[in-house]
Protein backbone atom coordinates (compact mmCIF):
# COMPACT_ATOMS: atom_id res chain seq x y z
CA MET A 1 -0.60 2.51 14.46
CA ARG A 2 -3.30 5.07 15.14
CA ILE A 3 -4.61 6.23 18.50
CA PRO A 4 -8.42 6.09 18.34
CA LEU A 5 -10.24 9.35 18.75
CA ILE A 6 -12.77 7.82 21.10
CA ALA A 7 -12.83 5.07 23.68
CA ILE A 8 -16.06 3.27 24.44
CA CYS A 9 -16.45 1.56 27.81
CA ILE A 10 -17.58 -1.98 27.19
CA ALA A 11 -17.56 -4.67 29.86
CA PHE A 12 -14.87 -7.24 29.28
CA ILE A 13 -16.08 -10.78 28.87
CA THR A 14 -13.51 -13.52 29.25
CA ALA A 15 -12.52 -15.61 26.27
CA CYS A 16 -13.84 -19.03 25.52
CA SER A 17 -12.21 -21.82 27.47
CA PRO A 18 -9.33 -23.62 25.74
CA ARG A 19 -9.87 -26.93 24.02
CA GLN A 20 -10.18 -29.85 26.37
CA GLU A 21 -8.81 -33.29 25.57
CA ASN A 22 -11.43 -35.97 24.99
CA LYS A 23 -10.23 -38.81 27.23
CA GLU A 24 -12.01 -41.48 25.22
CA THR A 25 -10.58 -40.56 21.83
CA ASN A 26 -7.52 -38.59 22.98
CA SER A 27 -8.38 -35.92 20.40
CA PRO A 28 -9.21 -32.25 20.91
CA ALA A 29 -12.84 -31.53 21.63
CA PRO A 30 -14.31 -28.89 19.32
CA PRO A 31 -14.14 -25.35 20.69
CA PRO A 32 -17.33 -23.62 21.75
CA VAL A 33 -18.99 -21.60 19.02
CA GLU A 34 -18.94 -17.86 19.63
CA GLN A 35 -21.18 -15.56 17.64
CA TYR A 36 -19.20 -13.79 14.88
CA ARG A 37 -15.93 -15.62 15.66
CA PRO A 38 -14.14 -16.11 12.29
CA GLN A 39 -13.42 -19.71 11.42
CA ILE A 40 -10.56 -19.24 8.91
CA HIS A 41 -9.08 -15.91 10.01
CA PHE A 42 -6.68 -15.23 12.85
CA THR A 43 -8.21 -13.63 15.95
CA PRO A 44 -6.85 -13.12 19.46
CA ALA A 45 -8.37 -15.44 22.05
CA SER A 46 -9.54 -12.36 23.94
CA GLY A 47 -8.97 -8.63 24.13
CA TRP A 48 -8.30 -6.00 21.51
CA MET A 49 -6.25 -6.36 18.30
CA ASN A 50 -5.36 -3.95 15.52
CA ASP A 51 -2.33 -3.60 13.18
CA PRO A 52 -0.29 -6.68 12.22
CA ASN A 53 3.36 -6.08 13.17
CA GLY A 54 6.82 -7.58 12.82
CA MET A 55 5.94 -10.42 10.45
CA PHE A 56 8.83 -12.67 9.40
CA PHE A 57 9.61 -16.25 8.35
CA LEU A 58 12.28 -18.35 10.06
CA ASP A 59 13.02 -22.09 10.12
CA GLY A 60 9.65 -23.21 8.83
CA GLU A 61 7.51 -20.79 10.86
CA TYR A 62 5.65 -17.65 9.91
CA HIS A 63 5.60 -15.21 12.83
CA LEU A 64 2.71 -12.78 13.21
CA PHE A 65 2.84 -10.04 15.83
CA TYR A 66 0.01 -7.58 16.29
CA GLN A 67 -1.11 -4.56 18.25
CA HIS A 68 -2.82 -5.98 21.30
CA PHE A 69 -4.47 -4.84 24.52
CA PRO A 70 -5.22 -7.97 26.56
CA ASP A 71 -7.29 -6.31 29.29
CA THR A 72 -10.37 -5.14 27.37
CA THR A 73 -11.92 -5.19 23.91
CA VAL A 74 -11.19 -1.52 23.20
CA TRP A 75 -7.90 0.15 22.38
CA GLY A 76 -5.54 0.69 25.33
CA PRO A 77 -1.84 0.48 26.25
CA MET A 78 -0.38 -1.39 23.31
CA HIS A 79 1.52 -4.67 23.55
CA TRP A 80 2.81 -6.95 20.78
CA GLY A 81 0.71 -10.11 20.66
CA HIS A 82 2.30 -13.12 18.97
CA ALA A 83 1.27 -16.14 16.92
CA VAL A 84 3.08 -18.61 14.66
CA SER A 85 2.05 -20.78 11.75
CA LYS A 86 3.71 -23.43 9.62
CA ASP A 87 1.25 -23.04 6.75
CA LEU A 88 -0.23 -19.49 6.93
CA VAL A 89 -3.67 -20.87 7.76
CA HIS A 90 -3.41 -22.63 11.14
CA TRP A 91 -2.13 -20.34 13.88
CA GLU A 92 -0.79 -21.10 17.34
CA ARG A 93 -1.28 -18.26 19.79
CA LEU A 94 1.84 -17.60 21.88
CA PRO A 95 2.43 -15.44 24.98
CA ILE A 96 2.67 -11.67 24.57
CA ALA A 97 6.08 -10.79 23.08
CA LEU A 98 6.57 -7.13 24.07
CA TYR A 99 5.04 -5.22 26.98
CA PRO A 100 4.90 -1.45 27.60
CA ASP A 101 7.68 -0.08 29.80
CA SER A 102 8.93 3.25 31.20
CA LEU A 103 9.57 4.57 27.67
CA GLY A 104 5.98 4.00 26.58
CA TYR A 105 3.48 1.73 24.88
CA ILE A 106 4.73 -0.61 22.15
CA PHE A 107 3.24 0.71 18.92
CA SER A 108 3.51 -0.74 15.40
CA GLY A 109 6.74 -1.75 13.70
CA SER A 110 8.57 -4.60 12.02
CA ALA A 111 11.06 -7.38 12.62
CA VAL A 112 14.02 -8.66 10.59
CA VAL A 113 16.24 -11.70 10.72
CA ASP A 114 19.73 -10.20 11.11
CA THR A 115 21.39 -12.96 9.10
CA ASN A 116 24.87 -11.42 9.16
CA ASN A 117 24.60 -10.39 12.83
CA THR A 118 25.18 -6.73 11.94
CA SER A 119 23.66 -5.76 15.29
CA GLY A 120 25.96 -7.96 17.34
CA PHE A 121 23.01 -9.27 19.34
CA GLY A 122 23.62 -12.86 18.24
CA THR A 123 26.32 -14.89 16.56
CA LYS A 124 27.13 -15.98 13.04
CA ASP A 125 25.75 -19.44 13.82
CA ASN A 126 22.72 -18.10 15.69
CA PRO A 127 21.75 -14.78 14.12
CA PRO A 128 19.27 -12.68 16.08
CA VAL A 129 15.82 -11.51 15.14
CA VAL A 130 15.51 -7.76 15.73
CA ALA A 131 12.17 -6.05 16.28
CA ILE A 132 11.87 -2.33 15.54
CA PHE A 133 8.87 -0.52 17.01
CA THR A 134 7.53 2.86 18.04
CA TYR A 135 7.58 3.81 21.69
CA HIS A 136 4.55 5.96 22.56
CA ASP A 137 4.97 7.97 25.77
CA ALA A 138 1.37 8.64 26.81
CA LYS A 139 2.43 10.79 29.76
CA ALA A 140 4.46 13.10 27.53
CA GLU A 141 1.54 13.31 25.12
CA ARG A 142 -0.82 14.35 27.94
CA GLU A 143 1.66 17.02 28.97
CA GLY A 144 1.39 18.57 25.51
CA LYS A 145 4.82 17.59 24.23
CA ASN A 146 5.38 16.78 20.56
CA ASP A 147 8.28 14.33 20.85
CA PHE A 148 6.38 11.52 22.57
CA GLN A 149 7.00 8.95 19.81
CA THR A 150 10.47 7.41 19.34
CA GLN A 151 11.83 4.22 17.79
CA GLY A 152 13.14 1.36 19.90
CA ILE A 153 14.44 -2.14 19.25
CA ALA A 154 14.40 -5.54 20.93
CA TYR A 155 16.07 -8.79 19.95
CA SER A 156 15.52 -12.52 20.19
CA THR A 157 18.07 -15.33 20.00
CA ASP A 158 15.55 -18.16 20.38
CA LYS A 159 13.66 -17.76 17.11
CA GLY A 160 11.26 -15.13 18.36
CA ARG A 161 10.04 -16.90 21.47
CA THR A 162 11.49 -14.44 24.01
CA TRP A 163 12.72 -10.87 23.61
CA LYS A 164 15.16 -8.51 25.29
CA LYS A 165 14.86 -4.76 24.77
CA TYR A 166 18.00 -2.86 23.84
CA ASP A 167 19.61 -1.10 26.81
CA ASN A 168 20.21 2.11 24.86
CA ASN A 169 16.67 2.65 23.54
CA PRO A 170 15.47 4.74 21.83
CA VAL A 171 17.65 4.24 18.75
CA LEU A 172 15.91 7.05 16.83
CA LYS A 173 14.77 10.10 18.74
CA ASN A 174 11.94 12.41 17.74
CA PRO A 175 12.71 15.79 16.08
CA ASN A 176 9.65 17.36 17.78
CA ILE A 177 6.97 15.91 15.47
CA ARG A 178 3.70 14.53 16.86
CA ASP A 179 3.30 11.68 14.36
CA PHE A 180 6.63 9.85 14.06
CA ARG A 181 5.98 6.13 13.91
CA ASP A 182 5.51 2.65 12.47
CA PRO A 183 9.06 1.75 11.27
CA LYS A 184 9.24 -0.90 8.52
CA VAL A 185 12.84 -2.05 8.16
CA SER A 186 14.48 -4.18 5.48
CA TRP A 187 17.91 -4.76 4.00
CA ILE A 188 18.15 -2.80 0.74
CA ASP A 189 20.82 -4.01 -1.67
CA GLU A 190 21.04 -0.67 -3.47
CA ALA A 191 21.81 1.02 -0.15
CA LYS A 192 24.03 -1.79 1.19
CA GLN A 193 22.48 -1.17 4.58
CA TRP A 194 19.26 -1.45 6.55
CA VAL A 195 16.61 1.06 5.49
CA MET A 196 13.79 2.20 7.76
CA THR A 197 10.60 3.44 6.12
CA LEU A 198 8.91 5.69 8.68
CA ALA A 199 5.53 7.45 8.68
CA VAL A 200 5.99 11.10 9.65
CA LYS A 201 2.75 13.09 9.87
CA ASP A 202 1.84 13.58 6.17
CA HIS A 203 4.80 11.95 4.43
CA ILE A 204 7.42 9.19 4.55
CA GLU A 205 11.00 9.52 5.76
CA PHE A 206 13.77 7.03 5.01
CA TYR A 207 16.62 6.31 7.42
CA GLY A 208 19.70 4.14 6.95
CA SER A 209 21.73 2.03 9.38
CA PRO A 210 24.63 -0.44 9.15
CA ASP A 211 23.71 -2.21 12.41
CA LEU A 212 20.04 -1.47 13.28
CA LYS A 213 21.23 0.69 16.21
CA LYS A 214 22.62 3.88 14.64
CA TRP A 215 20.30 5.62 12.16
CA SER A 216 20.78 8.59 9.82
CA LYS A 217 18.17 10.29 7.66
CA LEU A 218 18.33 9.55 3.92
CA SER A 219 15.39 11.36 2.30
CA GLU A 220 11.68 12.21 2.33
CA PHE A 221 8.78 11.31 0.06
CA GLY A 222 5.13 12.16 -0.28
CA LYS A 223 4.46 15.70 0.86
CA THR A 224 3.03 16.43 -2.59
CA ASP A 225 2.16 12.85 -3.60
CA GLY A 226 -0.86 10.66 -3.00
CA ASP A 227 -3.92 11.21 -0.86
CA HIS A 228 -3.71 13.34 2.28
CA GLY A 229 -7.18 13.07 3.80
CA GLY A 230 -5.66 11.84 7.05
CA VAL A 231 -2.43 10.94 8.83
CA TRP A 232 0.02 8.65 7.00
CA GLU A 233 1.04 5.49 8.85
CA CYS A 234 2.13 1.83 8.63
CA PRO A 235 4.32 2.02 5.50
CA ASP A 236 6.10 -0.82 3.71
CA LEU A 237 8.77 -0.74 0.96
CA PHE A 238 9.60 -3.81 -1.14
CA LYS A 239 10.37 -5.09 -4.63
CA LEU A 240 8.01 -6.86 -7.00
CA ARG A 241 8.74 -8.37 -10.42
CA ASP A 242 6.26 -8.20 -13.31
CA GLU A 243 5.49 -10.86 -15.92
CA THR A 244 8.37 -9.75 -18.14
CA GLY A 245 10.97 -9.85 -15.37
CA ASN A 246 11.05 -6.10 -14.84
CA THR A 247 11.47 -5.12 -11.17
CA LYS A 248 9.87 -2.14 -9.45
CA TYR A 249 9.75 -0.87 -5.90
CA VAL A 250 6.34 -0.68 -4.25
CA LEU A 251 5.62 1.66 -1.33
CA PHE A 252 2.53 1.03 0.80
CA VAL A 253 1.16 3.88 2.91
CA SER A 254 -1.91 3.49 5.11
CA ILE A 255 -4.03 6.57 5.67
CA ASN A 256 -6.80 7.39 8.10
CA PRO A 257 -9.19 8.93 7.31
CA GLY A 258 -9.15 9.42 3.55
CA ALA A 259 -9.82 6.01 1.99
CA PRO A 260 -12.03 5.82 -1.13
CA ASN A 261 -14.96 4.34 0.79
CA GLY A 262 -14.44 6.22 4.04
CA GLY A 263 -12.18 5.89 7.05
CA SER A 264 -9.09 3.68 6.84
CA GLY A 265 -7.34 2.42 3.70
CA THR A 266 -3.96 1.66 2.15
CA GLN A 267 -2.67 3.46 -0.93
CA TYR A 268 0.39 2.37 -2.86
CA PHE A 269 3.04 3.97 -5.04
CA ILE A 270 5.15 2.24 -7.70
CA GLY A 271 8.56 3.46 -8.74
CA GLY A 272 12.25 3.12 -8.02
CA PHE A 273 14.48 3.28 -4.95
CA ASP A 274 18.16 4.06 -5.49
CA GLY A 275 19.24 3.21 -1.98
CA LYS A 276 18.43 6.66 -0.70
CA ARG A 277 15.39 8.12 -2.44
CA PHE A 278 12.06 6.74 -3.64
CA ILE A 279 11.00 8.13 -7.05
CA SER A 280 7.36 7.52 -7.98
CA ASP A 281 6.36 6.61 -11.54
CA THR A 282 3.29 8.81 -11.09
CA PRO A 283 4.46 11.98 -9.32
CA GLY A 284 1.74 13.91 -7.52
CA LYS A 285 -0.61 11.00 -7.07
CA ASN A 286 -0.73 7.41 -5.89
CA SER A 287 -0.86 4.35 -8.13
CA GLY A 288 -3.81 2.68 -6.46
CA TRP A 289 -5.36 1.15 -3.38
CA ILE A 290 -4.43 -2.35 -2.28
CA ASP A 291 -8.05 -2.91 -1.22
CA TYR A 292 -11.05 -0.70 -1.92
CA GLY A 293 -13.09 -2.27 0.85
CA PRO A 294 -13.36 -0.53 4.22
CA ASP A 295 -11.90 -3.42 6.21
CA ASP A 296 -8.32 -3.99 5.11
CA TYR A 297 -6.01 -1.57 6.88
CA ALA A 298 -2.41 -1.19 8.11
CA GLY A 299 -1.33 -4.29 6.19
CA VAL A 300 2.35 -5.12 5.73
CA THR A 301 4.38 -7.98 4.27
CA PHE A 302 6.51 -10.78 5.71
CA ALA A 303 10.29 -10.42 5.94
CA ASN A 304 12.76 -13.21 5.20
CA VAL A 305 10.51 -15.35 2.99
CA PRO A 306 13.01 -17.65 1.21
CA ALA A 307 13.99 -16.82 -2.35
CA THR A 308 13.01 -20.38 -3.27
CA ASP A 309 9.44 -19.42 -2.33
CA GLY A 310 9.65 -16.05 -4.04
CA ARG A 311 6.34 -14.66 -2.83
CA ARG A 312 5.58 -11.31 -1.25
CA ILE A 313 2.96 -12.23 1.38
CA PHE A 314 0.66 -9.62 2.90
CA ILE A 315 -1.70 -9.56 5.89
CA GLY A 316 -3.95 -6.65 6.88
CA TRP A 317 -6.10 -5.69 9.85
CA MET A 318 -9.71 -6.55 8.97
CA SER A 319 -11.51 -3.54 10.41
CA ASN A 320 -11.88 0.23 10.12
CA TRP A 321 -11.20 2.94 12.70
CA ILE A 322 -14.66 4.38 12.04
CA TYR A 323 -16.32 1.54 13.96
CA ALA A 324 -13.55 -0.82 15.11
CA GLU A 325 -14.27 -0.31 18.81
CA ARG A 326 -18.03 -0.68 18.35
CA VAL A 327 -18.46 -3.91 16.41
CA PRO A 328 -20.73 -6.41 18.23
CA THR A 329 -18.15 -8.97 19.37
CA THR A 330 -17.71 -9.57 23.07
CA ALA A 331 -14.67 -11.59 24.13
CA TRP A 332 -12.37 -10.25 21.40
CA ARG A 333 -12.19 -7.48 18.82
CA SER A 334 -10.91 -7.74 15.26
CA ALA A 335 -9.36 -10.29 12.91
CA THR A 336 -6.68 -10.29 10.23
CA THR A 337 -7.35 -10.72 6.53
CA ILE A 338 -6.59 -13.96 4.77
CA PRO A 339 -2.85 -13.95 3.94
CA ARG A 340 -2.45 -12.78 0.35
CA THR A 341 0.17 -13.11 -2.37
CA LEU A 342 1.03 -9.81 -4.08
CA SER A 343 2.08 -9.58 -7.72
CA LEU A 344 2.93 -6.79 -10.16
CA HIS A 345 1.19 -6.44 -13.50
CA LYS A 346 1.59 -3.91 -16.28
CA THR A 347 -1.62 -2.57 -17.85
CA GLN A 348 -2.30 -0.02 -20.55
CA ASN A 349 -2.63 2.56 -17.77
CA GLY A 350 0.51 1.60 -15.87
CA TYR A 351 1.42 -0.88 -13.17
CA VAL A 352 -1.09 -2.50 -10.83
CA VAL A 353 -0.50 -4.55 -7.67
CA ASN A 354 -2.73 -7.62 -7.65
CA SER A 355 -3.52 -9.64 -4.54
CA LEU A 356 -4.98 -13.13 -4.17
CA PRO A 357 -5.39 -15.54 -1.23
CA VAL A 358 -2.31 -17.68 -0.63
CA ASN A 359 -2.44 -21.16 -2.15
CA GLU A 360 -2.23 -22.67 1.32
CA LEU A 361 -5.91 -21.81 1.78
CA ASP A 362 -6.63 -24.85 -0.40
CA GLU A 363 -5.43 -27.06 2.48
CA LEU A 364 -8.67 -26.22 4.29
CA VAL A 365 -10.98 -27.52 1.57
CA SER A 366 -13.20 -30.27 2.98
CA GLU A 367 -15.84 -30.46 0.26
CA SER A 368 -16.08 -29.13 -3.25
CA LYS A 369 -18.71 -29.03 -5.96
CA THR A 370 -18.85 -27.58 -9.45
CA LEU A 371 -21.83 -25.99 -11.14
CA ASN A 372 -21.82 -25.86 -14.93
CA ALA A 373 -24.07 -22.87 -15.36
CA ALA A 374 -26.03 -22.51 -18.56
CA SER A 375 -25.92 -19.27 -20.53
CA ASP A 376 -28.48 -16.56 -19.90
CA ILE A 377 -29.72 -17.90 -16.59
CA ASP A 378 -32.26 -15.90 -14.63
CA THR A 379 -31.35 -17.06 -11.14
CA LEU A 380 -28.81 -19.67 -10.05
CA ASN A 381 -28.95 -21.13 -6.55
CA LEU A 382 -25.33 -21.73 -5.58
CA VAL A 383 -26.06 -22.78 -2.00
CA THR A 384 -29.51 -23.51 -0.62
CA LYS A 385 -30.62 -24.34 2.89
CA GLU A 386 -30.61 -28.04 2.01
CA ASP A 387 -27.03 -28.09 0.73
CA SER A 388 -24.27 -29.70 2.75
CA LEU A 389 -21.92 -26.84 1.90
CA SER A 390 -21.83 -24.14 4.56
CA ILE A 391 -19.78 -21.21 5.80
CA PRO A 392 -16.78 -20.77 5.61
CA LEU A 393 -16.89 -21.01 1.85
CA VAL A 394 -14.88 -20.05 -1.23
CA ILE A 395 -16.70 -19.22 -4.47
CA ASP A 396 -14.78 -19.13 -7.76
CA ALA A 397 -16.75 -17.93 -10.76
CA SER A 398 -16.59 -16.22 -14.11
CA VAL A 399 -19.41 -14.11 -15.54
CA LYS A 400 -19.86 -12.35 -18.84
CA LYS A 401 -19.58 -8.60 -18.30
CA SER A 402 -23.07 -7.57 -17.13
CA ASP A 403 -24.95 -6.23 -14.12
CA PHE A 404 -24.67 -9.49 -12.19
CA VAL A 405 -25.42 -9.86 -8.49
CA LEU A 406 -24.18 -12.42 -5.98
CA GLU A 407 -26.56 -12.47 -3.01
CA LEU A 408 -25.77 -14.00 0.38
CA ARG A 409 -28.76 -14.26 2.69
CA ASN A 410 -30.04 -16.00 5.80
CA ASP A 411 -33.41 -16.97 7.28
CA ARG A 412 -33.83 -13.54 8.87
CA GLY A 413 -33.81 -11.86 5.47
CA GLN A 414 -30.43 -10.29 6.11
CA LYS A 415 -28.43 -9.91 2.90
CA VAL A 416 -25.07 -8.94 1.51
CA LEU A 417 -25.04 -8.10 -2.20
CA VAL A 418 -21.94 -8.31 -4.39
CA GLY A 419 -21.97 -7.25 -8.00
CA PHE A 420 -20.83 -5.25 -11.00
CA ASP A 421 -22.29 -2.04 -12.38
CA PRO A 422 -21.43 -1.92 -16.12
CA VAL A 423 -22.56 1.70 -16.50
CA ALA A 424 -20.23 2.96 -13.77
CA ASN A 425 -17.69 0.21 -14.63
CA GLU A 426 -17.25 -0.65 -10.98
CA PHE A 427 -17.61 -3.54 -8.57
CA TYR A 428 -19.50 -3.17 -5.33
CA ILE A 429 -20.49 -4.83 -2.09
CA ASP A 430 -23.63 -3.71 -0.31
CA ARG A 431 -24.08 -4.82 3.30
CA GLY A 432 -27.09 -2.59 3.92
CA THR A 433 -30.08 -4.94 3.53
CA GLY A 434 -31.60 -5.98 6.84
CA MET A 435 -28.25 -6.24 8.61
CA PRO A 436 -27.85 -5.14 12.24
CA SER A 437 -26.17 -1.72 12.27
CA THR A 438 -26.90 -0.16 15.65
CA PHE A 439 -23.20 0.07 16.49
CA HIS A 440 -22.50 2.71 13.79
CA LYS A 441 -24.54 4.66 11.27
CA ASP A 442 -21.91 4.41 8.49
CA PHE A 443 -21.62 0.62 8.55
CA LEU A 444 -24.47 -0.04 6.12
CA ASN A 445 -23.05 1.52 3.00
CA ARG A 446 -22.36 0.52 -0.58
CA ILE A 447 -18.64 0.03 -1.17
CA ARG A 448 -17.25 0.51 -4.69
CA ALA A 449 -14.09 -0.32 -6.61
CA PRO A 450 -13.24 0.67 -10.20
CA ARG A 451 -12.69 -2.09 -12.73
CA ILE A 452 -9.18 -2.03 -14.16
CA ALA A 453 -9.40 -4.91 -16.66
CA ASN A 454 -11.26 -4.26 -19.92
CA ASP A 455 -12.11 -7.72 -21.28
CA ASP A 456 -15.62 -9.15 -21.58
CA THR A 457 -15.31 -11.77 -18.85
CA ILE A 458 -15.20 -10.98 -15.14
CA SER A 459 -13.61 -13.53 -12.86
CA PHE A 460 -13.90 -13.38 -9.11
CA ARG A 461 -13.12 -15.26 -5.93
CA ALA A 462 -15.20 -14.71 -2.81
CA VAL A 463 -13.92 -15.90 0.57
CA VAL A 464 -16.92 -15.94 2.90
CA ASP A 465 -16.43 -16.41 6.64
CA VAL A 466 -18.90 -16.12 9.51
CA ALA A 467 -18.70 -12.33 9.61
CA SER A 468 -16.67 -11.20 6.60
CA VAL A 469 -16.49 -11.29 2.81
CA GLU A 470 -13.23 -10.88 0.88
CA LEU A 471 -13.62 -10.33 -2.86
CA PHE A 472 -10.89 -10.68 -5.49
CA PHE A 473 -11.99 -9.57 -8.97
CA ASP A 474 -10.11 -10.06 -12.23
CA LYS A 475 -7.22 -12.07 -10.75
CA GLY A 476 -6.94 -9.72 -7.82
CA SER A 477 -6.58 -6.42 -9.67
CA ALA A 478 -9.56 -5.11 -7.68
CA THR A 479 -10.09 -6.25 -4.11
CA LEU A 480 -12.93 -5.52 -1.69
CA THR A 481 -12.90 -6.61 1.96
CA ALA A 482 -15.88 -6.04 4.23
CA ILE A 483 -16.76 -7.36 7.66
CA THR A 484 -20.40 -8.30 8.20
CA PHE A 485 -22.34 -9.22 11.31
CA PRO A 486 -25.45 -11.21 10.35
CA ASP A 487 -27.44 -12.51 13.32
CA GLU A 488 -27.34 -15.94 11.68
CA VAL A 489 -24.88 -17.35 9.15
CA PHE A 490 -25.80 -17.14 5.49
CA ASN A 491 -27.43 -20.36 4.31
CA GLU A 492 -28.45 -19.41 0.78
CA ILE A 493 -26.40 -17.91 -2.03
CA LEU A 494 -27.91 -16.78 -5.34
CA MET A 495 -26.49 -15.35 -8.55
CA TYR A 496 -28.61 -13.42 -11.02
CA GLY A 497 -28.72 -10.48 -13.40
CA LYS A 498 -30.04 -7.25 -12.01
CA SER A 499 -31.98 -6.25 -15.13
CA SER A 500 -32.01 -9.50 -17.15
CA GLY A 501 -30.40 -12.91 -17.29
CA ILE A 502 -26.66 -13.43 -16.99
CA SER A 503 -24.18 -15.67 -18.73
CA ALA A 504 -22.03 -17.57 -16.25
CA GLY A 505 -19.31 -20.12 -16.81
CA THR A 506 -18.18 -22.86 -14.46
CA ILE A 507 -18.68 -22.01 -10.79
CA GLN A 508 -16.80 -23.85 -8.09
CA LEU A 509 -17.79 -23.93 -4.43
CA GLN A 510 -15.38 -25.05 -1.74
CA GLN A 511 -16.32 -25.56 1.88
CA LEU A 512 -13.43 -24.93 4.28
CA LYS A 513 -12.57 -26.57 7.57
CA PRO A 514 -12.26 -24.26 10.60
CA ILE A 515 -8.67 -23.53 11.63
CA TRP A 516 -9.33 -23.72 15.38
């Protein structure tokens, strides 16, 4: 959880009115359409949102908490907003879970289901959910102190609906370090205890606890590893299994600034964790970036997903600190990414973490059509103004390795270009053609990602919403997420070769139903 360097005064405009019941049909009336409001991504009804926090699964519900300031659409005193979902696509917004108090704002953190009641906050039959978060004492910060960030906990015995803060907070005090935050806690079998992964200035520190209340330092990682263009924050430590059954630990570390395409991004390390120390397979550097786009930041994974499910599910904040407070929305600011399933794959150059949209996204499909593209086409119209398919839309395609371009455009001539550069061997998204950009000079840039696969066919999935494009190339080994703000929705989509024709296989288009 980062404190923005600037705050822009923007008048607060109240959120759209809630759905009203239609008395004749007794069914919800459609919500009013707001410009730029995502139709398949979670957004707060109003106010500011940034990092996803405290995500866990319990009794059929996925819980999403998030950094939230309900009073305006710019960053302010942080609360934990709350939403739940039974399917990872439809979300019910709930009342704010955690409010600031005398110890400070409620910054980023995590939540765990304390199944064995190690904390004593619940019972064996009704185990508690324990949230672990950073307290940020703004007054102490203004006074020039360094120890203004500490770690606190709260617990719930009604499945996350209401919370009580621990009387003896903070549970982890600050050793006089300015950046000491964003605890991600999980039960680690090798340690036989709870392990907290904490972002500390330019590195990670690990702490252990038998009961979530008493913590002792285990080790440090990262002072000489990875990228250090900015402050480290919002870490996550978890296991993934590859195709052969081999298990590795993955460590996510968000960094701002310092991402490959500017501003905010999330690097990852792959290695082992012996219960005390994390040992990287690639000492001195990171293993990769979970998303090369500018608009997937501070993402973490859900706790307590059942072993029968087996997935590691990730959600990120779909924005960038460079312009997050300036984007042209009014009633609310920011959205989350589509929930994604993470997987581990071994390549000739080492391990890679792939990410793809969760399968539950298929539940939203309302219409589908398949194009059997001929070889060596000059231009293929995927969606034209006369088509019934519209945004939000999923495009699944495969293209022979070439300089292909996917172009999304509207009647105003505003375009987003997606493609592959075979000379540089990289994918790109270019949102700089005719798009409104007055809110920040760096918004209209070309965003690049290296290609990791080396076969002759490129597969990709594009998830296109009202004001965002999420791209998953080569089964998710390269991901690019970018928010866009066209004045009108895209109503034409073309595919063509930049210098000559292209060879495309079957292309599937799926129109999605709005989640609200």
